[in-house]
C-alpha atoms as a PDB file:
ATOM      1  CA  UNK A   1       0.005  -0.054   0.495  1.00  0.00           C
ATOM      2  CA  UNK A   2       3.020   2.780   0.747  1.00  0.00           C
ATOM      3  CA  UNK A   3       4.854   1.637  -2.502  1.00  0.00           C
ATOM      4  CA  UNK A   4       1.461   2.336  -4.477  1.00  0.00           C
ATOM      5  CA  UNK A   5       0.731   5.944  -2.560  1.00  0.00           C
ATOM      6  CA  UNK A   6       4.673   6.497  -2.493  1.00  0.00           C
ATOM      7  CA  UNK A   7       4.353   5.577  -6.732  1.00  0.00           C
ATOM      8  CA  UNK A   8       1.332   7.281  -7.313  1.00  0.00           C
ATOM      9  CA  UNK A   9       3.023  10.640  -6.140  1.00  0.00           C
ATOM     10  CA  UNK A  10       5.722  10.760  -8.374  1.00  0.00           C
ATOM     11  CA  UNK A  11       3.590  10.015 -11.333  1.00  0.00           C
ATOM     12  CA  UNK A  12       1.584  12.823  -9.924  1.00  0.00           C
ATOM     13  CA  UNK A  13       4.812  14.880  -9.724  1.00  0.00           C
ATOM     14  CA  UNK A  14       6.464  13.860 -13.274  1.00  0.00           C
ATOM     15  CA  UNK A  15       3.146  15.117 -14.839  1.00  0.00           C
ATOM     16  CA  UNK A  16       3.069  18.250 -13.313  1.00  0.00           C
ATOM     17  CA  UNK A  17       6.802  18.801 -13.925  1.00  0.00           C
ATOM     18  CA  UNK A  18       5.803  17.871 -17.403  1.00  0.00           C
ATOM     19  CA  UNK A  19       2.848  20.380 -17.760  1.00  0.00           C
ATOM     20  CA  UNK A  20       5.568  22.836 -16.641  1.00  0.00           C
ATOM     21  CA  UNK A  21       8.726  21.885 -18.603  1.00  0.00           C
ATOM     22  CA  UNK A  22       6.134  21.875 -22.136  1.00  0.00           C
ATOM     23  CA  UNK A  23       4.640  25.364 -21.247  1.00  0.00           C
ATOM     24  CA  UNK A  24       7.871  27.170 -21.176  1.00  0.00           C
ATOM     25  CA  UNK A  25       8.417  25.241 -24.468  1.00  0.00           C
ATOM     26  CA  UNK A  26       5.681  27.100 -25.751  1.00  0.00           C
ATOM     27  CA  UNK A  27       6.447  30.389 -24.323  1.00  0.00           C
ATOM     28  CA  UNK A  28       9.757  30.007 -25.741  1.00  0.00           C
ATOM     29  CA  UNK A  29       8.736  29.231 -29.431  1.00  0.00           C
ATOM     30  CA  UNK A  30       6.372  32.134 -28.989  1.00  0.00           C
ATOM     31  CA  UNK A  31       9.314  34.403 -27.650  1.00  0.00           C
ATOM     32  CA  UNK A  32      11.645  32.786 -30.613  1.00  0.00           C
ATOM     33  CA  UNK A  33       9.841  34.760 -33.328  1.00  0.00           C
ATOM     34  CA  UNK A  34       9.920  37.834 -31.499  1.00  0.00           C
ATOM     35  CA  UNK A  35      12.046  40.657 -32.873  1.00  0.00           C
ATOM     36  CA  UNK A  36      14.105  42.522 -30.338  1.00  0.00           C
ATOM     37  CA  UNK A  37      13.698  46.425 -30.784  1.00  0.00           C
ATOM     38  CA  UNK A  38      16.735  48.429 -28.970  1.00  0.00           C
ATOM     39  CA  UNK A  39      16.591  51.921 -29.174  1.00  0.00           C
ATOM     40  CA  UNK A  40      19.216  54.007 -27.080  1.00  0.00           C
ATOM     41  CA  UNK A  41      18.826  57.776 -26.174  1.00  0.00           C
ATOM     42  CA  UNK A  42      15.234  58.031 -25.638  1.00  0.00           C
ATOM     43  CA  UNK A  43      13.504  60.022 -23.214  1.00  0.00           C
ATOM     44  CA  UNK A  44      10.281  59.930 -21.024  1.00  0.00           C
ATOM     45  CA  UNK A  45       7.580  60.944 -23.890  1.00  0.00           C
ATOM     46  CA  UNK A  46       9.210  60.392 -26.943  1.00  0.00           C
ATOM     47  CA  UNK A  47       6.461  58.241 -28.873  1.00  0.00           C
ATOM     48  CA  UNK A  48       7.080  55.403 -30.981  1.00  0.00           C
ATOM     49  CA  UNK A  49       4.850  54.190 -33.844  1.00  0.00           C
ATOM     50  CA  UNK A  50       5.172  51.634 -36.318  1.00  0.00           C
ATOM     51  CA  UNK A  51       3.770  52.711 -39.300  1.00  0.00           C
ATOM     52  CA  UNK A  52       3.220  50.585 -42.540  1.00  0.00           C
ATOM     53  CA  UNK A  53       4.377  51.822 -46.493  1.00  0.00           C
ATOM     54  CA  UNK A  54       1.037  53.767 -47.008  1.00  0.00           C
ATOM     55  CA  UNK A  55       1.589  55.584 -43.269  1.00  0.00           C
ATOM     56  CA  UNK A  56      -1.465  53.913 -41.352  1.00  0.00           C
ATOM     57  CA  UNK A  57      -0.201  53.827 -37.528  1.00  0.00           C
ATOM     58  CA  UNK A  58      -0.206  50.371 -36.782  1.00  0.00           C
ATOM     59  CA  UNK A  59       1.282  50.551 -33.088  1.00  0.00           C
ATOM     60  CA  UNK A  60       1.886  53.525 -31.029  1.00  0.00           C
ATOM     61  CA  UNK A  61       3.814  53.605 -27.451  1.00  0.00           C
ATOM     62  CA  UNK A  62       4.740  56.919 -25.542  1.00  0.00           C
ATOM     63  CA  UNK A  63       8.418  56.095 -23.992  1.00  0.00           C
ATOM     64  CA  UNK A  64       7.904  55.651 -20.181  1.00  0.00           C
ATOM     65  CA  UNK A  65      11.615  55.910 -19.468  1.00  0.00           C
ATOM     66  CA  UNK A  66      14.949  57.730 -20.280  1.00  0.00           C
ATOM     67  CA  UNK A  67      17.675  55.746 -21.220  1.00  0.00           C
ATOM     68  CA  UNK A  68      17.588  52.388 -23.542  1.00  0.00           C
ATOM     69  CA  UNK A  69      14.277  51.326 -25.234  1.00  0.00           C
ATOM     70  CA  UNK A  70      13.883  47.460 -25.174  1.00  0.00           C
ATOM     71  CA  UNK A  71      10.775  45.822 -26.399  1.00  0.00           C
ATOM     72  CA  UNK A  72       9.903  42.150 -28.176  1.00  0.00           C
ATOM     73  CA  UNK A  73       7.730  42.591 -31.149  1.00  0.00           C
ATOM     74  CA  UNK A  74       6.221  39.847 -32.958  1.00  0.00           C
ATOM     75  CA  UNK A  75       6.576  41.727 -36.586  1.00  0.00           C
ATOM     76  CA  UNK A  76       6.765  37.919 -38.776  1.00  0.00           C
ATOM     77  CA  UNK A  77       2.866  38.415 -38.735  1.00  0.00           C
ATOM     78  CA  UNK A  78       2.745  41.427 -40.483  1.00  0.00           C
ATOM     79  CA  UNK A  79       1.994  40.590 -44.233  1.00  0.00           C
ATOM     80  CA  UNK A  80       4.323  40.942 -46.436  1.00  0.00           C
ATOM     81  CA  UNK A  81       5.505  44.357 -47.329  1.00  0.00           C
ATOM     82  CA  UNK A  82       7.717  47.579 -45.761  1.00  0.00           C
ATOM     83  CA  UNK A  83       7.104  49.119 -43.119  1.00  0.00           C
ATOM     84  CA  UNK A  84       9.068  51.571 -40.352  1.00  0.00           C
ATOM     85  CA  UNK A  85       9.393  52.398 -36.683  1.00  0.00           C
ATOM     86  CA  UNK A  86       9.330  56.271 -36.074  1.00  0.00           C
ATOM     87  CA  UNK A  87      10.433  57.437 -32.834  1.00  0.00           C
ATOM     88  CA  UNK A  88       9.392  61.288 -32.789  1.00  0.00           C
ATOM     89  CA  UNK A  89      11.576  63.073 -30.110  1.00  0.00           C
ATOM     90  CA  UNK A  90      11.712  66.709 -29.519  1.00  0.00           C
ATOM     91  CA  UNK A  91      13.227  68.461 -32.474  1.00  0.00           C
ATOM     92  CA  UNK A  92      14.415  65.197 -34.486  1.00  0.00           C
ATOM     93  CA  UNK A  93      11.973  61.829 -36.022  1.00  0.00           C
ATOM     94  CA  UNK A  94      14.411  58.776 -36.961  1.00  0.00           C
ATOM     95  CA  UNK A  95      12.734  56.211 -39.069  1.00  0.00           C
ATOM     96  CA  UNK A  96      14.015  52.616 -39.125  1.00  0.00           C
ATOM     97  CA  UNK A  97      12.490  50.838 -41.382  1.00  0.00           C
ATOM     98  CA  UNK A  98      12.531  46.781 -42.118  1.00  0.00           C
ATOM     99  CA  UNK A  99      10.674  44.410 -44.516  1.00  0.00           C
ATOM    100  CA  UNK A 100       8.964  41.283 -43.686  1.00  0.00           C
ATOM    101  CA  UNK A 101       8.744  38.473 -46.595  1.00  0.00           C
ATOM    102  CA  UNK A 102       7.660  34.922 -45.680  1.00  0.00           C
ATOM    103  CA  UNK A 103       7.642  35.541 -41.702  1.00  0.00           C
ATOM    104  CA  UNK A 104      11.150  36.776 -41.918  1.00  0.00           C
ATOM    105  CA  UNK A 105      11.883  40.027 -40.433  1.00  0.00           C
ATOM    106  CA  UNK A 106      15.107  42.399 -41.871  1.00  0.00           C
ATOM    107  CA  UNK A 107      16.391  45.349 -41.090  1.00  0.00           C
ATOM    108  CA  UNK A 108      18.698  47.462 -42.922  1.00  0.00           C
ATOM    109  CA  UNK A 109      20.765  50.230 -41.357  1.00  0.00           C
ATOM    110  CA  UNK A 110      21.905  52.023 -44.495  1.00  0.00           C
ATOM    111  CA  UNK A 111      18.520  52.759 -44.558  1.00  0.00           C
ATOM    112  CA  UNK A 112      17.427  54.850 -41.423  1.00  0.00           C
ATOM    113  CA  UNK A 113      17.515  58.276 -41.201  1.00  0.00           C
ATOM    114  CA  UNK A 114      16.784  60.971 -39.116  1.00  0.00           C
ATOM    115  CA  UNK A 115      14.594  64.579 -39.772  1.00  0.00           C
ATOM    116  CA  UNK A 116      15.079  67.582 -37.779  1.00  0.00           C
ATOM    117  CA  UNK A 117      11.590  68.858 -36.919  1.00  0.00           C
ATOM    118  CA  UNK A 118      11.469  73.040 -36.642  1.00  0.00           C
ATOM    119  CA  UNK A 119      11.945  75.109 -33.522  1.00  0.00           C
ATOM    120  CA  UNK A 120       9.462  77.624 -33.243  1.00  0.00           C
ATOM    121  CA  UNK A 121       9.057  80.252 -30.147  1.00  0.00           C
ATOM    122  CA  UNK A 122       7.579  83.750 -29.514  1.00  0.00           C
ATOM    123  CA  UNK A 123       9.634  86.342 -27.305  1.00  0.00           C
ATOM    124  CA  UNK A 124       8.641  89.841 -26.882  1.00  0.00           C
ATOM    125  CA  UNK A 125       6.529  90.419 -30.154  1.00  0.00           C
ATOM    126  CA  UNK A 126       9.152  88.306 -32.564  1.00  0.00           C
ATOM    127  CA  UNK A 127       8.674  84.688 -33.481  1.00  0.00           C
ATOM    128  CA  UNK A 128      11.719  82.876 -34.103  1.00  0.00           C
ATOM    129  CA  UNK A 129      12.142  79.851 -36.489  1.00  0.00           C
ATOM    130  CA  UNK A 130      15.284  77.886 -36.946  1.00  0.00           C
ATOM    131  CA  UNK A 131      15.091  74.384 -38.575  1.00  0.00           C
ATOM    132  CA  UNK A 132      18.426  71.925 -38.987  1.00  0.00           C
ATOM    133  CA  UNK A 133      18.269  70.569 -42.592  1.00  0.00           C
ATOM    134  CA  UNK A 134      21.794  68.765 -43.294  1.00  0.00           C
ATOM    135  CA  UNK A 135      19.922  67.647 -46.717  1.00  0.00           C
ATOM    136  CA  UNK A 136      19.643  71.485 -47.794  1.00  0.00           C
ATOM    137  CA  UNK A 137      16.279  70.431 -48.837  1.00  0.00           C
ATOM    138  CA  UNK A 138      13.776  73.361 -49.792  1.00  0.00           C
ATOM    139  CA  UNK A 139      11.855  74.519 -46.832  1.00  0.00           C
ATOM    140  CA  UNK A 140       8.696  76.018 -47.306  1.00  0.00           C
ATOM    141  CA  UNK A 141       7.938  78.997 -44.573  1.00  0.00           C
ATOM    142  CA  UNK A 142       4.161  80.462 -44.862  1.00  0.00           C
ATOM    143  CA  UNK A 143       2.649  83.152 -42.083  1.00  0.00           C
ATOM    144  CA  UNK A 144      -1.323  82.873 -41.359  1.00  0.00           C
ATOM    145  CA  UNK A 145      -3.378  85.901 -39.595  1.00  0.00           C
ATOM    146  CA  UNK A 146      -5.949  84.350 -38.573  1.00  0.00           C
ATOM    147  CA  UNK A 147      -8.933  86.646 -38.064  1.00  0.00           C
ATOM    148  CA  UNK A 148     -11.671  86.281 -35.043  1.00  0.00           C
ATOM    149  CA  UNK A 149     -13.950  84.307 -37.162  1.00  0.00           C
ATOM    150  CA  UNK A 150     -10.660  81.725 -37.383  1.00  0.00           C
ATOM    151  CA  UNK A 151     -10.607  82.394 -41.314  1.00  0.00           C
ATOM    152  CA  UNK A 152      -7.032  82.294 -42.316  1.00  0.00           C
ATOM    153  CA  UNK A 153      -5.233  84.483 -44.507  1.00  0.00           C
ATOM    154  CA  UNK A 154      -1.758  84.322 -46.032  1.00  0.00           C
ATOM    155  CA  UNK A 155       0.304  86.913 -44.753  1.00  0.00           C
ATOM    156  CA  UNK A 156       3.898  85.695 -45.405  1.00  0.00           C
ATOM    157  CA  UNK A 157       5.723  83.036 -47.476  1.00  0.00           C
ATOM    158  CA  UNK A 158       9.255  81.729 -48.261  1.00  0.00           C
ATOM    159  CA  UNK A 159      11.049  79.009 -49.565  1.00  0.00           C
ATOM    160  CA  UNK A 160      14.387  78.680 -48.591  1.00  0.00           C
ATOM    161  CA  UNK A 161      16.802  76.527 -51.265  1.00  0.00           C
ATOM    162  CA  UNK A 162      20.314  75.330 -50.359  1.00  0.00           C
ATOM    163  CA  UNK A 163      20.493  75.856 -46.901  1.00  0.00           C
ATOM    164  CA  UNK A 164      21.789  73.483 -44.303  1.00  0.00           C
ATOM    165  CA  UNK A 165      20.215  75.666 -41.231  1.00  0.00           C
ATOM    166  CA  UNK A 166      17.100  77.635 -41.792  1.00  0.00           C
ATOM    167  CA  UNK A 167      16.490  80.644 -38.847  1.00  0.00           C
ATOM    168  CA  UNK A 168      14.037  83.348 -39.619  1.00  0.00           C
ATOM    169  CA  UNK A 169      12.779  86.120 -37.468  1.00  0.00           C
ATOM    170  CA  UNK A 170       9.130  87.008 -37.901  1.00  0.00           C
ATOM    171  CA  UNK A 171       7.585  90.569 -35.704  1.00  0.00           C
ATOM    172  CA  UNK A 172       3.987  90.013 -36.039  1.00  0.00           C
ATOM    173  CA  UNK A 173       1.571  92.104 -35.033  1.00  0.00           C
ATOM    174  CA  UNK A 174      -0.564  91.199 -31.850  1.00  0.00           C
ATOM    175  CA  UNK A 175      -3.124  88.428 -32.667  1.00  0.00           C
ATOM    176  CA  UNK A 176      -3.297  84.915 -33.780  1.00  0.00           C
ATOM    177  CA  UNK A 177      -1.072  83.114 -36.452  1.00  0.00           C
ATOM    178  CA  UNK A 178      -0.794  79.731 -38.145  1.00  0.00           C
ATOM    179  CA  UNK A 179       2.923  79.051 -39.006  1.00  0.00           C
ATOM    180  CA  UNK A 180       3.654  76.348 -42.018  1.00  0.00           C
ATOM    181  CA  UNK A 181       6.438  75.059 -42.229  1.00  0.00           C
ATOM    182  CA  UNK A 182       7.111  72.272 -45.083  1.00  0.00           C
ATOM    183  CA  UNK A 183      10.257  70.159 -45.332  1.00  0.00           C
ATOM    184  CA  UNK A 184      11.741  66.838 -46.115  1.00  0.00           C
ATOM    185  CA  UNK A 185       8.130  65.636 -47.778  1.00  0.00           C
ATOM    186  CA  UNK A 186       6.733  66.370 -44.499  1.00  0.00           C
ATOM    187  CA  UNK A 187       4.829  69.248 -42.835  1.00  0.00           C
ATOM    188  CA  UNK A 188       5.207  70.878 -39.683  1.00  0.00           C
ATOM    189  CA  UNK A 189       2.140  73.604 -38.015  1.00  0.00           C
ATOM    190  CA  UNK A 190       2.654  75.957 -35.257  1.00  0.00           C
ATOM    191  CA  UNK A 191      -0.088  78.432 -34.163  1.00  0.00           C
ATOM    192  CA  UNK A 192       1.105  81.757 -32.524  1.00  0.00           C
ATOM    193  CA  UNK A 193      -1.136  83.579 -30.305  1.00  0.00           C
ATOM    194  CA  UNK A 194       0.259  86.861 -29.368  1.00  0.00           C
END
């Protein structure tokens, strides 16, 4: 009788151990499909976005801590095609493109790029616009005056060509303004109320 109880306990223990090992193996298989995304020098509040080739946002996350961002993504489940991670910081946007083909994910470091956002600030009736532009791409600046009905009227426009640094200062009268800056196939809009 004692041997039967002892053997039954051993059998139950072996079944429990086998179930645990099988569970770990299944998790390992799922985790093996995940792609580790590691990005250095992030700050709390930076925005990480996963987009498809058409610019449709598939995933968005605000970074919670400063330092190094690490996360596993199962990118192999995406349909075949081109995608990108976009990390939006205070004054720059870094793009990390990748391709999914037959459930295989490939990143190409040489295709990574960084775009610099314009910096617009208002002080003492002057509006300062500056933008780092290493590619010397044409940069269009448009200033719209907004009336009390919300209608906007173009007050100023300028195209800055072949310049790696864009710096402009505007003296604006009291009122509401919209400033649009077009550069690197992106548009940035800022509203000024002075």
